[in-house]
């Protein structure tokens, strides 16, 4: 019996480490407002940030400057891509 308890503890520790390294717990706590109105506002935040920067920015830079999350930045970018207002070189984004 003691061997099974030890094996169980080792397995539990491995699972904990994997969960912590993938960031699954943090992702599960994130709640996004996916309403059309909110996504439109995030698109406006992203657009204004790119316009004021007057240069190409990464998603992380846009999020930091706009003071929104990277997920919200991506939602806004999707809106702007659909409207044909942004372009990318693969890593950075610019207004068209």
N, C-alpha and C. Protein backbone atom coordinates (compact mmCIF):
# COMPACT_ATOMS: atom_id res chain seq x y z
N UNK A 1 0.79 -1.21 0.00
CA UNK A 1 0.00 0.00 0.00
C UNK A 1 0.84 1.28 0.00
N UNK A 2 1.90 1.39 0.76
CA UNK A 2 2.68 2.62 0.76
C UNK A 2 3.22 2.96 -0.63
N UNK A 3 3.53 1.97 -1.44
CA UNK A 3 4.04 2.24 -2.78
C UNK A 3 3.00 2.96 -3.64
N UNK A 4 1.75 2.59 -3.54
CA UNK A 4 0.69 3.24 -4.31
C UNK A 4 0.53 4.69 -3.90
N UNK A 5 0.61 4.98 -2.61
CA UNK A 5 0.49 6.37 -2.15
C UNK A 5 1.63 7.21 -2.71
N UNK A 6 2.82 6.69 -2.72
CA UNK A 6 3.97 7.41 -3.25
C UNK A 6 3.79 7.65 -4.75
N UNK A 7 3.35 6.64 -5.46
CA UNK A 7 3.14 6.78 -6.90
C UNK A 7 2.07 7.84 -7.18
N UNK A 8 1.03 7.87 -6.40
CA UNK A 8 -0.04 8.84 -6.58
C UNK A 8 0.48 10.26 -6.37
N UNK A 9 1.30 10.45 -5.36
CA UNK A 9 1.85 11.77 -5.09
C UNK A 9 2.72 12.25 -6.24
N UNK A 10 3.53 11.38 -6.78
CA UNK A 10 4.40 11.75 -7.89
C UNK A 10 3.58 12.16 -9.10
N UNK A 11 2.55 11.40 -9.41
CA UNK A 11 1.69 11.71 -10.56
C UNK A 11 1.00 13.05 -10.34
N UNK A 12 0.51 13.29 -9.14
CA UNK A 12 -0.17 14.55 -8.85
C UNK A 12 0.78 15.73 -9.03
N UNK A 13 2.01 15.60 -8.62
CA UNK A 13 2.98 16.68 -8.77
C UNK A 13 3.26 16.94 -10.25
N UNK A 14 3.37 15.91 -11.04
CA UNK A 14 3.63 16.08 -12.47
C UNK A 14 2.47 16.80 -13.14
N UNK A 15 1.26 16.45 -12.80
CA UNK A 15 0.09 17.08 -13.38
C UNK A 15 0.04 18.55 -12.98
N UNK A 16 0.35 18.86 -11.73
CA UNK A 16 0.37 20.24 -11.27
C UNK A 16 1.36 21.06 -12.06
N UNK A 17 2.56 20.54 -12.26
CA UNK A 17 3.58 21.27 -13.00
C UNK A 17 3.14 21.53 -14.43
N UNK A 18 2.54 20.55 -15.08
CA UNK A 18 2.09 20.73 -16.46
C UNK A 18 1.00 21.79 -16.53
N UNK A 19 0.07 21.77 -15.60
CA UNK A 19 -1.00 22.75 -15.59
C UNK A 19 -0.44 24.14 -15.37
N UNK A 20 0.49 24.28 -14.46
CA UNK A 20 1.07 25.58 -14.17
C UNK A 20 1.88 26.10 -15.35
N UNK A 21 2.62 25.24 -16.02
CA UNK A 21 3.47 25.70 -17.13
C UNK A 21 2.67 26.07 -18.37
N UNK A 22 1.49 25.47 -18.57
CA UNK A 22 0.70 25.80 -19.75
C UNK A 22 -0.15 27.04 -19.52
N UNK A 23 -0.26 27.49 -18.28
CA UNK A 23 -1.05 28.68 -17.98
C UNK A 23 -2.54 28.44 -18.05
N UNK A 24 -2.97 27.20 -17.96
CA UNK A 24 -4.38 26.86 -18.08
C UNK A 24 -5.24 27.51 -17.00
N UNK A 25 -4.72 27.59 -15.79
CA UNK A 25 -5.49 28.18 -14.71
C UNK A 25 -5.78 29.64 -14.99
N UNK A 26 -4.79 30.39 -15.46
CA UNK A 26 -4.98 31.80 -15.75
C UNK A 26 -5.96 31.98 -16.91
N UNK A 27 -5.86 31.14 -17.92
CA UNK A 27 -6.74 31.25 -19.07
C UNK A 27 -8.19 30.98 -18.69
N UNK A 28 -8.41 30.07 -17.77
CA UNK A 28 -9.76 29.72 -17.36
C UNK A 28 -10.43 30.87 -16.62
N UNK A 29 -9.66 31.74 -15.97
CA UNK A 29 -10.21 32.85 -15.21
C UNK A 29 -10.53 34.05 -16.08
N UNK A 30 -9.97 34.11 -17.28
CA UNK A 30 -10.19 35.26 -18.16
C UNK A 30 -11.60 35.19 -18.75
N UNK A 31 -12.33 36.29 -18.58
CA UNK A 31 -13.67 36.38 -19.14
C UNK A 31 -13.70 37.58 -20.08
N UNK A 32 -14.03 37.33 -21.32
CA UNK A 32 -14.09 38.40 -22.31
C UNK A 32 -15.52 38.73 -22.66
N UNK A 33 -15.80 40.01 -22.83
CA UNK A 33 -17.10 40.45 -23.31
C UNK A 33 -17.06 40.34 -24.83
N UNK A 34 -17.77 39.38 -25.37
CA UNK A 34 -17.74 39.13 -26.81
C UNK A 34 -18.90 39.79 -27.55
N UNK A 35 -19.47 40.83 -26.95
CA UNK A 35 -20.55 41.53 -27.64
C UNK A 35 -19.96 42.34 -28.80
N UNK A 36 -20.77 42.53 -29.82
CA UNK A 36 -20.35 43.27 -31.00
C UNK A 36 -19.92 44.69 -30.62
N UNK A 37 -20.65 45.28 -29.70
CA UNK A 37 -20.34 46.65 -29.26
C UNK A 37 -18.97 46.72 -28.59
N UNK A 38 -18.67 45.78 -27.69
CA UNK A 38 -17.38 45.78 -26.99
C UNK A 38 -16.23 45.54 -27.95
N UNK A 39 -16.39 44.61 -28.87
CA UNK A 39 -15.33 44.32 -29.84
C UNK A 39 -15.08 45.56 -30.70
N UNK A 40 -16.14 46.27 -31.05
CA UNK A 40 -16.00 47.51 -31.80
C UNK A 40 -15.20 48.56 -31.03
N UNK A 41 -15.44 48.65 -29.72
CA UNK A 41 -14.68 49.58 -28.88
C UNK A 41 -13.21 49.19 -28.82
N UNK A 42 -12.94 47.91 -28.72
CA UNK A 42 -11.54 47.44 -28.69
C UNK A 42 -10.86 47.72 -30.02
N UNK A 43 -11.60 47.57 -31.12
CA UNK A 43 -11.05 47.91 -32.43
C UNK A 43 -10.69 49.39 -32.48
N UNK A 44 -11.52 50.22 -31.89
CA UNK A 44 -11.24 51.65 -31.83
C UNK A 44 -9.99 51.93 -31.01
N UNK A 45 -9.84 51.22 -29.88
CA UNK A 45 -8.64 51.38 -29.04
C UNK A 45 -7.38 51.00 -29.83
N UNK A 46 -7.46 49.88 -30.54
CA UNK A 46 -6.32 49.40 -31.32
C UNK A 46 -6.01 50.40 -32.45
N UNK A 47 -7.04 50.86 -33.14
CA UNK A 47 -6.85 51.81 -34.24
C UNK A 47 -6.19 53.09 -33.75
N UNK A 48 -6.69 53.64 -32.65
CA UNK A 48 -6.13 54.88 -32.10
C UNK A 48 -4.68 54.70 -31.67
N UNK A 49 -4.37 53.54 -31.10
CA UNK A 49 -3.01 53.24 -30.67
C UNK A 49 -2.07 53.18 -31.86
N UNK A 50 -2.48 52.49 -32.92
CA UNK A 50 -1.64 52.41 -34.12
C UNK A 50 -1.50 53.77 -34.80
N UNK A 51 -2.57 54.53 -34.81
CA UNK A 51 -2.53 55.85 -35.45
C UNK A 51 -1.59 56.79 -34.70
N UNK A 52 -1.63 56.75 -33.38
CA UNK A 52 -0.78 57.65 -32.60
C UNK A 52 0.68 57.21 -32.60
N UNK A 53 0.92 55.92 -32.78
CA UNK A 53 2.30 55.40 -32.79
C UNK A 53 3.02 55.78 -34.08
N UNK A 54 2.29 55.87 -35.17
CA UNK A 54 2.83 56.18 -36.49
C UNK A 54 3.97 55.24 -36.91
N UNK A 55 3.93 54.02 -36.41
CA UNK A 55 4.89 52.99 -36.80
C UNK A 55 4.27 51.62 -36.55
N UNK A 56 4.92 50.58 -37.02
CA UNK A 56 4.43 49.21 -36.81
C UNK A 56 4.63 48.81 -35.36
N UNK A 57 3.66 48.07 -34.82
CA UNK A 57 3.72 47.59 -33.44
C UNK A 57 3.36 46.11 -33.39
N UNK A 58 3.86 45.42 -32.39
CA UNK A 58 3.46 44.04 -32.15
C UNK A 58 2.16 44.03 -31.36
N UNK A 59 1.53 42.89 -31.28
CA UNK A 59 0.29 42.75 -30.50
C UNK A 59 0.55 43.13 -29.05
N UNK A 60 1.65 42.67 -28.50
CA UNK A 60 1.99 42.97 -27.11
C UNK A 60 2.16 44.47 -26.90
N UNK A 61 2.82 45.15 -27.83
CA UNK A 61 3.02 46.61 -27.72
C UNK A 61 1.69 47.36 -27.82
N UNK A 62 0.83 46.91 -28.71
CA UNK A 62 -0.48 47.55 -28.87
C UNK A 62 -1.27 47.40 -27.57
N UNK A 63 -1.30 46.19 -27.02
CA UNK A 63 -2.04 45.93 -25.79
C UNK A 63 -1.54 46.81 -24.65
N UNK A 64 -0.23 46.90 -24.52
CA UNK A 64 0.35 47.71 -23.44
C UNK A 64 0.00 49.18 -23.61
N UNK A 65 0.17 49.71 -24.81
CA UNK A 65 -0.10 51.14 -25.06
C UNK A 65 -1.58 51.47 -24.96
N UNK A 66 -2.45 50.55 -25.40
CA UNK A 66 -3.89 50.77 -25.36
C UNK A 66 -4.49 50.46 -23.99
N UNK A 67 -3.68 49.84 -23.12
CA UNK A 67 -4.12 49.45 -21.77
C UNK A 67 -5.30 48.48 -21.81
N UNK A 68 -5.19 47.51 -22.73
CA UNK A 68 -6.18 46.43 -22.82
C UNK A 68 -5.40 45.11 -22.87
N UNK A 69 -6.10 44.00 -22.68
CA UNK A 69 -5.43 42.70 -22.69
C UNK A 69 -5.05 42.31 -24.12
N UNK A 70 -4.14 41.35 -24.22
CA UNK A 70 -3.75 40.87 -25.55
C UNK A 70 -4.94 40.20 -26.25
N UNK A 71 -5.80 39.54 -25.49
CA UNK A 71 -6.98 38.90 -26.07
C UNK A 71 -7.91 39.96 -26.67
N UNK A 72 -8.11 41.07 -25.92
CA UNK A 72 -8.97 42.14 -26.42
C UNK A 72 -8.32 42.80 -27.65
N UNK A 73 -7.00 42.90 -27.63
CA UNK A 73 -6.27 43.44 -28.78
C UNK A 73 -6.52 42.59 -30.02
N UNK A 74 -6.47 41.28 -29.85
CA UNK A 74 -6.70 40.37 -30.97
C UNK A 74 -8.13 40.48 -31.50
N UNK A 75 -9.09 40.64 -30.59
CA UNK A 75 -10.48 40.83 -31.03
C UNK A 75 -10.59 42.10 -31.88
N UNK A 76 -10.00 43.19 -31.40
CA UNK A 76 -10.03 44.44 -32.14
C UNK A 76 -9.33 44.34 -33.48
N UNK A 77 -8.20 43.63 -33.50
CA UNK A 77 -7.47 43.45 -34.75
C UNK A 77 -8.29 42.66 -35.76
N UNK A 78 -9.01 41.66 -35.29
CA UNK A 78 -9.87 40.88 -36.19
C UNK A 78 -10.88 41.77 -36.88
N UNK A 79 -11.46 42.67 -36.12
CA UNK A 79 -12.44 43.63 -36.65
C UNK A 79 -11.77 44.50 -37.71
N UNK A 80 -10.57 45.02 -37.36
CA UNK A 80 -9.87 45.92 -38.28
C UNK A 80 -9.37 45.19 -39.54
N UNK A 81 -8.97 43.93 -39.40
CA UNK A 81 -8.57 43.15 -40.58
C UNK A 81 -9.77 42.95 -41.49
N UNK A 82 -10.92 42.65 -40.91
CA UNK A 82 -12.13 42.44 -41.70
C UNK A 82 -12.49 43.70 -42.48
N UNK A 83 -12.27 44.87 -41.87
CA UNK A 83 -12.57 46.13 -42.54
C UNK A 83 -11.45 46.57 -43.49
N UNK A 84 -10.33 45.83 -43.51
CA UNK A 84 -9.22 46.17 -44.39
C UNK A 84 -8.43 47.39 -43.95
N UNK A 85 -8.36 47.62 -42.63
CA UNK A 85 -7.69 48.81 -42.12
C UNK A 85 -6.29 48.55 -41.59
N UNK A 86 -5.90 47.29 -41.44
CA UNK A 86 -4.56 46.98 -40.96
C UNK A 86 -3.89 45.94 -41.85
N UNK A 87 -2.58 45.93 -41.79
CA UNK A 87 -1.79 44.94 -42.51
C UNK A 87 -0.67 44.49 -41.59
N UNK A 88 -0.05 43.37 -41.92
CA UNK A 88 1.03 42.84 -41.10
C UNK A 88 2.18 42.38 -41.97
N UNK A 89 3.38 42.42 -41.38
CA UNK A 89 4.56 41.88 -42.06
C UNK A 89 4.90 40.51 -41.47
N UNK A 90 4.03 39.99 -40.65
CA UNK A 90 4.24 38.70 -40.00
C UNK A 90 4.41 38.82 -38.50
N UNK A 91 5.00 39.92 -38.05
CA UNK A 91 5.19 40.11 -36.61
C UNK A 91 4.65 41.44 -36.12
N UNK A 92 4.65 42.45 -36.96
CA UNK A 92 4.17 43.78 -36.56
C UNK A 92 3.00 44.20 -37.43
N UNK A 93 2.18 45.09 -36.88
CA UNK A 93 0.97 45.53 -37.56
C UNK A 93 1.04 47.02 -37.85
N UNK A 94 0.44 47.43 -38.95
CA UNK A 94 0.39 48.85 -39.34
C UNK A 94 -0.98 49.15 -39.93
N UNK A 95 -1.36 50.41 -39.85
CA UNK A 95 -2.59 50.86 -40.50
C UNK A 95 -2.34 50.97 -41.99
N UNK A 96 -3.40 50.74 -42.77
CA UNK A 96 -3.30 50.87 -44.22
C UNK A 96 -3.70 52.28 -44.60
